[in-house]
Every structure is written in C-alpha cells, then in structure tokens.
Amino acid sequence: MCVFALVWAMAGCSDSPTTTASTTAAPTTTSSVPEPVIEIPPGILAAMPFQNRLDVAKGIFQIKMYNGTDEDLAIVGVQLVWAGLTTPVSDRANMLIASDRLDYPVSLAPATCVGDGTIAEMPDLGEAHVRVLLADGRELQAPVFDVLHFARKLYLADCERQYIGTQVAIEWADLHEAMLEGRPVTEGTLRVTRLAGAGEVTIELIRATIIFSFKVLEATGDVVAVLPEGSASLDVPIRFLEGRCDAHAASEVSQPFEFSATLDLGDGVERGYALPIPQADQVAMRERLDVACEYLGLTGALG
C-alpha cells in the first residue's frame, strides 16, 4: 500500500520544524542520529503537536493539522485529547483545504500525571487524538503523531514541575528598585520554602535571560542557595543586572523574564524548574533596565 512519508527536520535556528511530504522516506540529518520519520497512510486527517520558542512565553503550543483527504474542511475548533494532557478547545475559524496543512494554536494545560510522572508510566500517545470541530456541525477525530516528541516533552516537564511544587516552593519576593553606581537595578529575594520534602534542597544555578543577568548578593559558594535538611525556609538576597542592551536584543527578545533553575531536592537528581518573574513586577523591572542601559551607553546596534 502506498504511504506518504512526512519527514521532519530542524533547520538552523528556525523556531519550528519544517515538514516535507514525499513518497520516499529520505530524511536529512546533520549528525549521526537519524531524524525521526513517520509514515502516514494516505487519505487521512492527521495532527502533530509542536512548540516554538515564541509559543513558550505565550503559554501555548501548536497543533499542525495535515489534511490528506480530498475534502476542504472548514475548521472552527481543535482540542488535543490525551490521557496525559488534554487542552481546552481552541476556537479558530480557518479553511483547511485538501492536501494542505495549517497550524492551530492551543493553550497549555496541566498534565494528568500517572504514577511518578516519568516516561515509564506515561499514557500511550498512540491513543491520543485531536477533536476537529467543523463549521457544518460535524466533529472529526485526527490521530496524533508526536514526531518530535513535543507532546511527550510537555507532559514530562509539567509532571516534574508538579512534583517539585509538592516538595518545595521557590519564588521571587520583594522585587524593588535599588541604585547601583548611578543607575537603577532590581533587587529582591529568592525565597525557598519547604513543603513535603525532607532532604537538603540545593539550587545549583539560575539561568539568566538575554537581557537580564542574575547575581547572588551573599556568598553561597558555587551554588545559588542551600536549604539545609530540617530548615523550613531560606531567603537569599539577589540582584538583576543588565544582560544585553543592544537594540536587537531589546526589540527581539521573546522571553525576557523566563528565568530557570537547576536544583537538587536531596536525592542527587538534577531537575529543571521554571522561575519566571511575577507579571506584576515585569513592567517596572523592564523600565529600570531600559534606563540603566541608556545610562551605560549600551543601547546602540550590536558590534
């Protein structure tokens, strides 16, 4: 039986994967690991999740719909339905013509974690589908092909986030303006509060964003913070400084407030954890940065 091979390949610094429909499977690769290839029988409506870097800050991901049928479909809504992660219905009225593809943004939703939330017990993605709502009142079901494992990544990341959130609370507190060498900066506290976890909690590092750098104001050795076993909470004084001030970075940065941490809950396992700046603090923090960059004379073109 003839099949269509959908070949996905990441191209340079592109935000999203590109796809090629062909009758022969001939993936390109820049490493020794072959690119994933999936063969879809002809004549079906298929759905493929993915997420680009601009989606992350918006709290969404994309459902790439492929219409392999000979019918033009007036789609008015889509919804990922999976035991591991089910999204709300995303309303979007777009005609998906036969043999074409179109991306439909959907909102992120919390994962429904099974067991320990790891891949070993993750619900079968082969049983997932996308509800496709049509303008004429019909509802179709499109099988999900998680070619580059975006759905799996979203599930695993959220289950880990949920687990960390049961063990310890990590938050930015008391973010305020301070003056440093004639310019405004943002200072505050990184607060760590024990919940169910009993072991020593170590925040090993916090990754800066493109336009902000991060500094701990009190020496903590090679790590950001350590909450000793038996201690209930810890406050660490911190400061945010200028990262890149050039015009390109200032105008093009998509996730200026999306800091992330690497931590150990006392079990020797390194875990990633998102630490975005609270929305209520973002405008003032960005305004201080703009003033500081101008004061330092670093707002011109890069180079």
C-alpha atoms as a PDB file:
ATOM      1  CA  MET A   1       0.000   0.000   0.000  1.00  0.00           C
ATOM      2  CA  CYS A   2       1.277   3.466  -0.833  1.00  0.00           C
ATOM      3  CA  VAL A   3       2.041   5.785   2.044  1.00  0.00           C
ATOM      4  CA  PHE A   4       3.054   9.379   2.474  1.00  0.00           C
ATOM      5  CA  ALA A   5       6.262   9.924   4.436  1.00  0.00           C
ATOM      6  CA  LEU A   6       6.302  13.079   6.494  1.00  0.00           C
ATOM      7  CA  VAL A   7       9.897  13.974   7.173  1.00  0.00           C
ATOM      8  CA  TRP A   8      10.582  16.469   9.956  1.00  0.00           C
ATOM      9  CA  ALA A   9      13.888  18.286  10.219  1.00  0.00           C
ATOM     10  CA  MET A  10      15.062  21.157  12.355  1.00  0.00           C
ATOM     11  CA  ALA A  11      16.648  23.843  10.199  1.00  0.00           C
ATOM     12  CA  GLY A  12      19.330  26.001  11.776  1.00  0.00           C
ATOM     13  CA  CYS A  13      17.841  28.466  14.257  1.00  0.00           C
ATOM     14  CA  SER A  14      14.303  28.208  12.923  1.00  0.00           C
ATOM     15  CA  ASP A  15      11.568  28.486  15.516  1.00  0.00           C
ATOM     16  CA  SER A  16       9.656  25.489  14.232  1.00  0.00           C
ATOM     17  CA  PRO A  17      10.298  22.242  12.389  1.00  0.00           C
ATOM     18  CA  THR A  18       9.803  22.079   8.661  1.00  0.00           C
ATOM     19  CA  THR A  19       7.944  19.221   7.030  1.00  0.00           C
ATOM     20  CA  THR A  20       8.144  17.612   3.639  1.00  0.00           C
ATOM     21  CA  ALA A  21       5.540  15.300   2.133  1.00  0.00           C
ATOM     22  CA  SER A  22       7.024  12.703  -0.154  1.00  0.00           C
ATOM     23  CA  THR A  23       6.508   9.173  -1.407  1.00  0.00           C
ATOM     24  CA  THR A  24      10.022   8.204  -0.339  1.00  0.00           C
ATOM     25  CA  ALA A  25      11.481   8.447   3.126  1.00  0.00           C
ATOM     26  CA  ALA A  26      14.772  10.296   2.736  1.00  0.00           C
ATOM     27  CA  PRO A  27      15.437  12.358   5.873  1.00  0.00           C
ATOM     28  CA  THR A  28      18.355  14.728   6.031  1.00  0.00           C
ATOM     29  CA  THR A  29      20.498  14.911   9.124  1.00  0.00           C
ATOM     30  CA  THR A  30      23.472  16.851  10.376  1.00  0.00           C
ATOM     31  CA  SER A  31      24.524  14.258  12.945  1.00  0.00           C
ATOM     32  CA  SER A  32      24.942  10.524  13.281  1.00  0.00           C
ATOM     33  CA  VAL A  33      21.440  10.260  14.766  1.00  0.00           C
ATOM     34  CA  PRO A  34      18.786   9.915  12.039  1.00  0.00           C
ATOM     35  CA  GLU A  35      15.973  12.430  12.021  1.00  0.00           C
ATOM     36  CA  PRO A  36      12.630  10.924  13.041  1.00  0.00           C
ATOM     37  CA  VAL A  37      10.467   9.760  10.147  1.00  0.00           C
ATOM     38  CA  ILE A  38       6.826   8.765  10.294  1.00  0.00           C
ATOM     39  CA  GLU A  39       4.707   7.246   7.585  1.00  0.00           C
ATOM     40  CA  ILE A  40       1.030   8.178   7.480  1.00  0.00           C
ATOM     41  CA  PRO A  41      -1.442   6.318   5.294  1.00  0.00           C
ATOM     42  CA  PRO A  42      -2.884   8.492   2.548  1.00  0.00           C
ATOM     43  CA  GLY A  43      -6.357   9.926   2.770  1.00  0.00           C
ATOM     44  CA  ILE A  44      -6.463  10.804   6.492  1.00  0.00           C
ATOM     45  CA  LEU A  45      -6.568  13.924   8.614  1.00  0.00           C
ATOM     46  CA  ALA A  46      -3.519  13.902  10.914  1.00  0.00           C
ATOM     47  CA  ALA A  47      -2.398  16.057  13.831  1.00  0.00           C
ATOM     48  CA  MET A  48       1.140  16.806  15.017  1.00  0.00           C
ATOM     49  CA  PRO A  49       1.982  18.844  18.145  1.00  0.00           C
ATOM     50  CA  PHE A  50       4.948  21.193  18.270  1.00  0.00           C
ATOM     51  CA  GLN A  51       6.053  24.272  20.148  1.00  0.00           C
ATOM     52  CA  ASN A  52       8.403  27.044  19.029  1.00  0.00           C
ATOM     53  CA  ARG A  53      10.264  29.493  21.245  1.00  0.00           C
ATOM     54  CA  LEU A  54       7.705  32.261  20.771  1.00  0.00           C
ATOM     55  CA  ASP A  55       4.957  29.916  21.975  1.00  0.00           C
ATOM     56  CA  VAL A  56       6.645  29.270  25.321  1.00  0.00           C
ATOM     57  CA  ALA A  57       6.201  32.784  26.672  1.00  0.00           C
ATOM     58  CA  LYS A  58       2.593  32.837  25.432  1.00  0.00           C
ATOM     59  CA  GLY A  59       1.673  29.618  27.231  1.00  0.00           C
ATOM     60  CA  ILE A  60       0.590  27.858  24.047  1.00  0.00           C
ATOM     61  CA  PHE A  61       1.695  25.213  21.590  1.00  0.00           C
ATOM     62  CA  GLN A  62       0.651  24.354  18.064  1.00  0.00           C
ATOM     63  CA  ILE A  63      -1.381  21.559  16.544  1.00  0.00           C
ATOM     64  CA  LYS A  64      -0.183  21.157  12.971  1.00  0.00           C
ATOM     65  CA  MET A  65      -3.121  19.741  11.035  1.00  0.00           C
ATOM     66  CA  TYR A  66      -2.443  17.816   7.814  1.00  0.00           C
ATOM     67  CA  ASN A  67      -5.413  17.236   5.538  1.00  0.00           C
ATOM     68  CA  GLY A  68      -4.632  14.190   3.451  1.00  0.00           C
ATOM     69  CA  THR A  69      -8.240  13.854   2.338  1.00  0.00           C
ATOM     70  CA  ASP A  70      -9.825  15.188  -0.832  1.00  0.00           C
ATOM     71  CA  GLU A  71     -12.275  17.352   1.157  1.00  0.00           C
ATOM     72  CA  ASP A  72     -11.823  21.008   2.067  1.00  0.00           C
ATOM     73  CA  LEU A  73     -12.515  21.320   5.800  1.00  0.00           C
ATOM     74  CA  ALA A  74     -13.970  24.455   7.397  1.00  0.00           C
ATOM     75  CA  ILE A  75     -12.399  24.008  10.840  1.00  0.00           C
ATOM     76  CA  VAL A  76     -13.748  26.124  13.702  1.00  0.00           C
ATOM     77  CA  GLY A  77     -12.047  24.465  16.679  1.00  0.00           C
ATOM     78  CA  VAL A  78      -9.431  21.916  17.749  1.00  0.00           C
ATOM     79  CA  GLN A  79      -8.680  20.138  21.019  1.00  0.00           C
ATOM     80  CA  LEU A  80      -5.938  17.695  21.973  1.00  0.00           C
ATOM     81  CA  VAL A  81      -7.473  14.788  23.879  1.00  0.00           C
ATOM     82  CA  TRP A  82      -4.952  12.543  25.624  1.00  0.00           C
ATOM     83  CA  ALA A  83      -4.937  10.812  28.985  1.00  0.00           C
ATOM     84  CA  GLY A  84      -1.661  12.598  29.725  1.00  0.00           C
ATOM     85  CA  LEU A  85      -2.685  16.130  28.709  1.00  0.00           C
ATOM     86  CA  THR A  86      -5.999  17.443  27.410  1.00  0.00           C
ATOM     87  CA  THR A  87      -6.264  21.053  26.280  1.00  0.00           C
ATOM     88  CA  PRO A  88      -9.265  23.352  26.186  1.00  0.00           C
ATOM     89  CA  VAL A  89     -10.992  23.675  22.824  1.00  0.00           C
ATOM     90  CA  SER A  90      -9.200  26.309  20.753  1.00  0.00           C
ATOM     91  CA  ASP A  91     -11.612  28.319  18.616  1.00  0.00           C
ATOM     92  CA  ARG A  92     -10.178  29.297  15.271  1.00  0.00           C
ATOM     93  CA  ALA A  93     -12.095  29.504  12.004  1.00  0.00           C
ATOM     94  CA  ASN A  94      -9.809  28.509   9.132  1.00  0.00           C
ATOM     95  CA  MET A  95     -10.384  26.568   5.941  1.00  0.00           C
ATOM     96  CA  LEU A  96      -8.007  23.637   5.659  1.00  0.00           C
ATOM     97  CA  ILE A  97      -8.077  22.675   2.025  1.00  0.00           C
ATOM     98  CA  ALA A  98      -7.376  19.188   0.741  1.00  0.00           C
ATOM     99  CA  SER A  99      -3.695  18.165   0.736  1.00  0.00           C
ATOM    100  CA  ASP A 100      -2.710  21.256   2.747  1.00  0.00           C
ATOM    101  CA  ARG A 101      -1.530  21.884   6.313  1.00  0.00           C
ATOM    102  CA  LEU A 102      -2.210  24.602   8.859  1.00  0.00           C
ATOM    103  CA  ASP A 103      -1.121  25.348  12.414  1.00  0.00           C
ATOM    104  CA  TYR A 104      -3.715  25.787  15.144  1.00  0.00           C
ATOM    105  CA  PRO A 105      -2.535  27.327  18.454  1.00  0.00           C
ATOM    106  CA  VAL A 106      -3.904  25.736  21.623  1.00  0.00           C
ATOM    107  CA  SER A 107      -3.465  26.737  25.261  1.00  0.00           C
ATOM    108  CA  LEU A 108      -1.209  24.720  27.503  1.00  0.00           C
ATOM    109  CA  ALA A 109      -2.960  22.692  30.164  1.00  0.00           C
ATOM    110  CA  PRO A 110      -1.655  20.899  33.263  1.00  0.00           C
ATOM    111  CA  ALA A 111      -0.524  17.353  32.648  1.00  0.00           C
ATOM    112  CA  THR A 112      -2.500  14.500  34.189  1.00  0.00           C
ATOM    113  CA  CYS A 113       0.493  12.702  35.669  1.00  0.00           C
ATOM    114  CA  VAL A 114       0.379   8.940  36.071  1.00  0.00           C
ATOM    115  CA  GLY A 115       2.457   7.172  38.711  1.00  0.00           C
ATOM    116  CA  ASP A 116       5.726   9.019  39.222  1.00  0.00           C
ATOM    117  CA  GLY A 117       5.167  11.194  36.158  1.00  0.00           C
ATOM    118  CA  THR A 118       8.085   9.733  34.232  1.00  0.00           C
ATOM    119  CA  ILE A 119       8.114   8.307  30.738  1.00  0.00           C
ATOM    120  CA  ALA A 120       7.901   4.757  32.085  1.00  0.00           C
ATOM    121  CA  GLU A 121       4.293   5.283  33.159  1.00  0.00           C
ATOM    122  CA  MET A 122       3.278   7.993  30.684  1.00  0.00           C
ATOM    123  CA  PRO A 123      -0.082   7.352  28.984  1.00  0.00           C
ATOM    124  CA  ASP A 124       0.172   5.947  25.463  1.00  0.00           C
ATOM    125  CA  LEU A 125       0.313   8.736  22.891  1.00  0.00           C
ATOM    126  CA  GLY A 126      -0.905   6.242  20.316  1.00  0.00           C
ATOM    127  CA  GLU A 127      -4.320   6.578  21.939  1.00  0.00           C
ATOM    128  CA  ALA A 128      -4.368  10.391  21.687  1.00  0.00           C
ATOM    129  CA  HIS A 129      -6.444  12.252  19.160  1.00  0.00           C
ATOM    130  CA  VAL A 130      -7.398  15.774  18.198  1.00  0.00           C
ATOM    131  CA  ARG A 131     -11.057  16.729  18.131  1.00  0.00           C
ATOM    132  CA  VAL A 132     -11.675  18.733  14.970  1.00  0.00           C
ATOM    133  CA  LEU A 133     -14.855  20.802  15.019  1.00  0.00           C
ATOM    134  CA  LEU A 134     -16.281  21.822  11.642  1.00  0.00           C
ATOM    135  CA  ALA A 135     -18.483  24.751  10.688  1.00  0.00           C
ATOM    136  CA  ASP A 136     -21.230  22.389   9.479  1.00  0.00           C
ATOM    137  CA  GLY A 137     -21.557  20.890  12.960  1.00  0.00           C
ATOM    138  CA  ARG A 138     -19.590  17.707  12.307  1.00  0.00           C
ATOM    139  CA  GLU A 139     -16.794  16.533  14.573  1.00  0.00           C
ATOM    140  CA  LEU A 140     -13.807  14.556  13.303  1.00  0.00           C
ATOM    141  CA  GLN A 141     -11.045  12.770  15.199  1.00  0.00           C
ATOM    142  CA  ALA A 142      -7.491  13.126  13.906  1.00  0.00           C
ATOM    143  CA  PRO A 143      -4.855  10.678  15.182  1.00  0.00           C
ATOM    144  CA  VAL A 144      -1.831  12.282  16.837  1.00  0.00           C
ATOM    145  CA  PHE A 145       1.687  11.709  15.512  1.00  0.00           C
ATOM    146  CA  ASP A 146       4.149  13.109  18.065  1.00  0.00           C
ATOM    147  CA  VAL A 147       7.004  13.147  15.575  1.00  0.00           C
ATOM    148  CA  LEU A 148       9.486  15.275  17.510  1.00  0.00           C
ATOM    149  CA  HIS A 149       8.095  14.330  20.929  1.00  0.00           C
ATOM    150  CA  PHE A 150       6.684  17.757  21.736  1.00  0.00           C
ATOM    151  CA  ALA A 151       3.632  16.320  23.495  1.00  0.00           C
ATOM    152  CA  ARG A 152       5.861  13.978  25.457  1.00  0.00           C
ATOM    153  CA  LYS A 153       8.177  16.827  26.442  1.00  0.00           C
ATOM    154  CA  LEU A 154       5.262  18.969  27.632  1.00  0.00           C
ATOM    155  CA  TYR A 155       3.929  16.093  29.731  1.00  0.00           C
ATOM    156  CA  LEU A 156       7.255  15.196  31.324  1.00  0.00           C
ATOM    157  CA  ALA A 157       8.189  18.829  32.035  1.00  0.00           C
ATOM    158  CA  ASP A 158       4.862  19.599  33.679  1.00  0.00           C
ATOM    159  CA  CYS A 159       4.878  16.413  35.747  1.00  0.00           C
ATOM    160  CA  GLU A 160       8.325  17.322  37.017  1.00  0.00           C
ATOM    161  CA  ARG A 161       7.126  20.854  37.771  1.00  0.00           C
ATOM    162  CA  GLN A 162       4.163  19.441  39.672  1.00  0.00           C
ATOM    163  CA  TYR A 163       6.390  17.101  41.669  1.00  0.00           C
ATOM    164  CA  ILE A 164       8.828  19.859  42.610  1.00  0.00           C
ATOM    165  CA  GLY A 165       5.868  22.005  43.639  1.00  0.00           C
ATOM    166  CA  THR A 166       4.813  19.391  46.189  1.00  0.00           C
ATOM    167  CA  GLN A 167       8.286  19.331  47.748  1.00  0.00           C
ATOM    168  CA  VAL A 168       9.358  22.969  47.867  1.00  0.00           C
ATOM    169  CA  ALA A 169       8.100  26.448  46.949  1.00  0.00           C
ATOM    170  CA  ILE A 170      10.581  28.692  45.131  1.00  0.00           C
ATOM    171  CA  GLU A 171       9.626  32.281  44.396  1.00  0.00           C
ATOM    172  CA  TRP A 172      10.850  35.810  43.762  1.00  0.00           C
ATOM    173  CA  ALA A 173       9.833  38.169  46.581  1.00  0.00           C
ATOM    174  CA  ASP A 174      10.066  41.894  47.335  1.00  0.00           C
ATOM    175  CA  LEU A 175      11.394  42.919  43.934  1.00  0.00           C
ATOM    176  CA  HIS A 176      12.182  46.634  44.115  1.00  0.00           C
ATOM    177  CA  GLU A 177      14.348  49.369  42.707  1.00  0.00           C
ATOM    178  CA  ALA A 178      17.858  49.936  44.046  1.00  0.00           C
ATOM    179  CA  MET A 179      20.603  52.267  42.831  1.00  0.00           C
ATOM    180  CA  LEU A 180      23.964  50.889  41.749  1.00  0.00           C
ATOM    181  CA  GLU A 181      26.723  53.194  40.571  1.00  0.00           C
ATOM    182  CA  GLY A 182      24.266  55.809  39.401  1.00  0.00           C
ATOM    183  CA  ARG A 183      21.739  53.583  37.631  1.00  0.00           C
ATOM    184  CA  PRO A 184      18.582  51.731  38.731  1.00  0.00           C
ATOM    185  CA  VAL A 185      18.626  47.956  39.104  1.00  0.00           C
ATOM    186  CA  THR A 186      16.185  45.436  40.502  1.00  0.00           C
ATOM    187  CA  GLU A 187      16.918  43.764  43.822  1.00  0.00           C
ATOM    188  CA  GLY A 188      14.884  41.377  45.902  1.00  0.00           C
ATOM    189  CA  THR A 189      14.795  37.939  47.460  1.00  0.00           C
ATOM    190  CA  LEU A 190      14.852  34.396  46.202  1.00  0.00           C
ATOM    191  CA  ARG A 191      12.643  32.608  48.760  1.00  0.00           C
ATOM    192  CA  VAL A 192      12.784  28.839  49.277  1.00  0.00           C
ATOM    193  CA  THR A 193      10.105  27.279  51.494  1.00  0.00           C
ATOM    194  CA  ARG A 194       9.971  23.607  52.406  1.00  0.00           C
ATOM    195  CA  LEU A 195       6.720  21.755  51.775  1.00  0.00           C
ATOM    196  CA  ALA A 196       6.641  17.935  51.759  1.00  0.00           C
ATOM    197  CA  GLY A 197      10.336  17.421  51.045  1.00  0.00           C
ATOM    198  CA  ALA A 198      12.593  16.406  53.923  1.00  0.00           C
ATOM    199  CA  GLY A 199      16.086  16.488  52.426  1.00  0.00           C
ATOM    200  CA  GLU A 200      18.570  19.261  51.748  1.00  0.00           C
ATOM    201  CA  VAL A 201      17.441  21.423  48.836  1.00  0.00           C
ATOM    202  CA  THR A 202      20.155  22.915  46.630  1.00  0.00           C
ATOM    203  CA  ILE A 203      19.521  25.453  43.889  1.00  0.00           C
ATOM    204  CA  GLU A 204      22.625  24.858  41.850  1.00  0.00           C
ATOM    205  CA  LEU A 205      22.239  27.659  39.313  1.00  0.00           C
ATOM    206  CA  ILE A 206      19.784  30.076  37.789  1.00  0.00           C
ATOM    207  CA  ARG A 207      19.966  30.748  34.073  1.00  0.00           C
ATOM    208  CA  ALA A 208      19.834  34.367  33.019  1.00  0.00           C
ATOM    209  CA  THR A 209      17.766  35.649  30.131  1.00  0.00           C
ATOM    210  CA  ILE A 210      19.144  37.504  27.122  1.00  0.00           C
ATOM    211  CA  ILE A 211      18.607  40.999  28.532  1.00  0.00           C
ATOM    212  CA  PHE A 212      18.983  40.300  32.263  1.00  0.00           C
ATOM    213  CA  SER A 213      21.835  38.827  34.253  1.00  0.00           C
ATOM    214  CA  PHE A 214      21.498  37.452  37.773  1.00  0.00           C
ATOM    215  CA  LYS A 215      23.647  37.875  40.870  1.00  0.00           C
ATOM    216  CA  VAL A 216      23.513  36.489  44.422  1.00  0.00           C
ATOM    217  CA  LEU A 217      24.405  39.237  46.898  1.00  0.00           C
ATOM    218  CA  GLU A 218      25.662  36.999  49.702  1.00  0.00           C
ATOM    219  CA  ALA A 219      28.336  34.383  49.116  1.00  0.00           C
ATOM    220  CA  THR A 220      26.918  30.854  48.867  1.00  0.00           C
ATOM    221  CA  GLY A 221      29.902  29.029  47.417  1.00  0.00           C
ATOM    222  CA  ASP A 222      29.420  27.512  43.989  1.00  0.00           C
ATOM    223  CA  VAL A 223      25.634  27.320  44.245  1.00  0.00           C
ATOM    224  CA  VAL A 224      22.802  29.832  44.464  1.00  0.00           C
ATOM    225  CA  ALA A 225      21.124  28.573  47.644  1.00  0.00           C
ATOM    226  CA  VAL A 226      21.063  25.648  50.063  1.00  0.00           C
ATOM    227  CA  LEU A 227      18.099  24.912  52.336  1.00  0.00           C
ATOM    228  CA  PRO A 228      19.529  22.532  54.962  1.00  0.00           C
ATOM    229  CA  GLU A 229      17.674  19.417  55.997  1.00  0.00           C
ATOM    230  CA  GLY A 230      15.307  20.348  58.826  1.00  0.00           C
ATOM    231  CA  SER A 231      15.142  24.045  57.910  1.00  0.00           C
ATOM    232  CA  ALA A 232      11.746  25.434  56.976  1.00  0.00           C
ATOM    233  CA  SER A 233      12.712  28.334  54.721  1.00  0.00           C
ATOM    234  CA  LEU A 234      15.519  30.421  53.315  1.00  0.00           C
ATOM    235  CA  ASP A 235      15.744  33.942  51.863  1.00  0.00           C
ATOM    236  CA  VAL A 236      18.624  34.751  49.513  1.00  0.00           C
ATOM    237  CA  PRO A 237      19.248  38.436  48.579  1.00  0.00           C
ATOM    238  CA  ILE A 238      19.599  38.782  44.808  1.00  0.00           C
ATOM    239  CA  ARG A 239      20.077  41.420  42.131  1.00  0.00           C
ATOM    240  CA  PHE A 240      19.199  41.571  38.447  1.00  0.00           C
ATOM    241  CA  LEU A 241      21.672  43.418  36.232  1.00  0.00           C
ATOM    242  CA  GLU A 242      21.881  44.266  32.558  1.00  0.00           C
ATOM    243  CA  GLY A 243      22.488  41.441  30.138  1.00  0.00           C
ATOM    244  CA  ARG A 244      22.493  42.575  26.530  1.00  0.00           C
ATOM    245  CA  CYS A 245      21.431  46.181  25.982  1.00  0.00           C
ATOM    246  CA  ASP A 246      21.830  46.406  22.204  1.00  0.00           C
ATOM    247  CA  ALA A 247      18.823  47.389  20.133  1.00  0.00           C
ATOM    248  CA  HIS A 248      18.497  43.976  18.514  1.00  0.00           C
ATOM    249  CA  ALA A 249      18.257  42.132  21.836  1.00  0.00           C
ATOM    250  CA  ALA A 250      15.937  44.719  23.353  1.00  0.00           C
ATOM    251  CA  SER A 251      13.457  44.550  20.492  1.00  0.00           C
ATOM    252  CA  GLU A 252      13.619  40.874  19.570  1.00  0.00           C
ATOM    253  CA  VAL A 253      13.831  39.079  22.940  1.00  0.00           C
ATOM    254  CA  SER A 254      10.797  36.796  23.317  1.00  0.00           C
ATOM    255  CA  GLN A 255      11.270  35.564  26.886  1.00  0.00           C
ATOM    256  CA  PRO A 256      12.879  38.403  28.875  1.00  0.00           C
ATOM    257  CA  PHE A 257      11.519  37.281  32.248  1.00  0.00           C
ATOM    258  CA  GLU A 258      11.719  33.491  31.879  1.00  0.00           C
ATOM    259  CA  PHE A 259      14.468  32.561  34.323  1.00  0.00           C
ATOM    260  CA  SER A 260      15.012  28.882  35.086  1.00  0.00           C
ATOM    261  CA  ALA A 261      16.774  26.979  37.837  1.00  0.00           C
ATOM    262  CA  THR A 262      18.593  23.690  38.203  1.00  0.00           C
ATOM    263  CA  LEU A 263      18.020  22.149  41.617  1.00  0.00           C
ATOM    264  CA  ASP A 264      18.533  19.023  43.706  1.00  0.00           C
ATOM    265  CA  LEU A 265      15.853  18.023  46.212  1.00  0.00           C
ATOM    266  CA  GLY A 266      18.316  15.965  48.216  1.00  0.00           C
ATOM    267  CA  ASP A 267      18.047  12.802  46.154  1.00  0.00           C
ATOM    268  CA  GLY A 268      21.001  13.533  43.876  1.00  0.00           C
ATOM    269  CA  VAL A 269      18.755  14.135  40.835  1.00  0.00           C
ATOM    270  CA  GLU A 270      19.198  17.401  38.946  1.00  0.00           C
ATOM    271  CA  ARG A 271      15.876  18.902  37.928  1.00  0.00           C
ATOM    272  CA  GLY A 272      14.957  21.929  35.873  1.00  0.00           C
ATOM    273  CA  TYR A 273      12.393  24.395  37.183  1.00  0.00           C
ATOM    274  CA  ALA A 274      10.927  27.484  35.541  1.00  0.00           C
ATOM    275  CA  LEU A 275      11.212  30.670  37.630  1.00  0.00           C
ATOM    276  CA  PRO A 276       9.531  33.472  35.682  1.00  0.00           C
ATOM    277  CA  ILE A 277       9.364  36.953  37.151  1.00  0.00           C
ATOM    278  CA  PRO A 278       5.845  37.641  38.514  1.00  0.00           C
ATOM    279  CA  GLN A 279       3.811  39.520  35.943  1.00  0.00           C
ATOM    280  CA  ALA A 280       3.091  42.350  38.377  1.00  0.00           C
ATOM    281  CA  ASP A 281       6.837  43.105  38.574  1.00  0.00           C
ATOM    282  CA  GLN A 282       7.721  42.840  34.903  1.00  0.00           C
ATOM    283  CA  VAL A 283       6.915  46.342  33.636  1.00  0.00           C
ATOM    284  CA  ALA A 284       8.859  48.146  36.379  1.00  0.00           C
ATOM    285  CA  MET A 285      11.775  45.735  36.020  1.00  0.00           C
ATOM    286  CA  ARG A 286      11.978  46.344  32.267  1.00  0.00           C
ATOM    287  CA  GLU A 287      11.752  50.121  32.729  1.00  0.00           C
ATOM    288  CA  ARG A 288      14.700  50.057  35.159  1.00  0.00           C
ATOM    289  CA  LEU A 289      16.685  48.016  32.668  1.00  0.00           C
ATOM    290  CA  ASP A 290      15.999  50.464  29.830  1.00  0.00           C
ATOM    291  CA  VAL A 291      17.113  53.418  31.973  1.00  0.00           C
ATOM    292  CA  ALA A 292      20.236  51.582  33.116  1.00  0.00           C
ATOM    293  CA  CYS A 293      21.209  50.562  29.579  1.00  0.00           C
ATOM    294  CA  GLU A 294      20.837  54.140  28.377  1.00  0.00           C
ATOM    295  CA  TYR A 295      22.856  55.412  31.365  1.00  0.00           C
ATOM    296  CA  LEU A 296      25.641  52.967  30.484  1.00  0.00           C
ATOM    297  CA  GLY A 297      25.544  53.996  26.811  1.00  0.00           C
ATOM    298  CA  LEU A 298      24.940  50.446  25.624  1.00  0.00           C
ATOM    299  CA  THR A 299      21.715  50.860  23.641  1.00  0.00           C
ATOM    300  CA  GLY A 300      23.203  51.101  20.144  1.00  0.00           C
ATOM    301  CA  ALA A 301      23.483  48.421  17.472  1.00  0.00           C
ATOM    302  CA  LEU A 302      25.406  45.276  18.372  1.00  0.00           C
ATOM    303  CA  GLY A 303      29.066  45.500  17.399  1.00  0.00           C
END
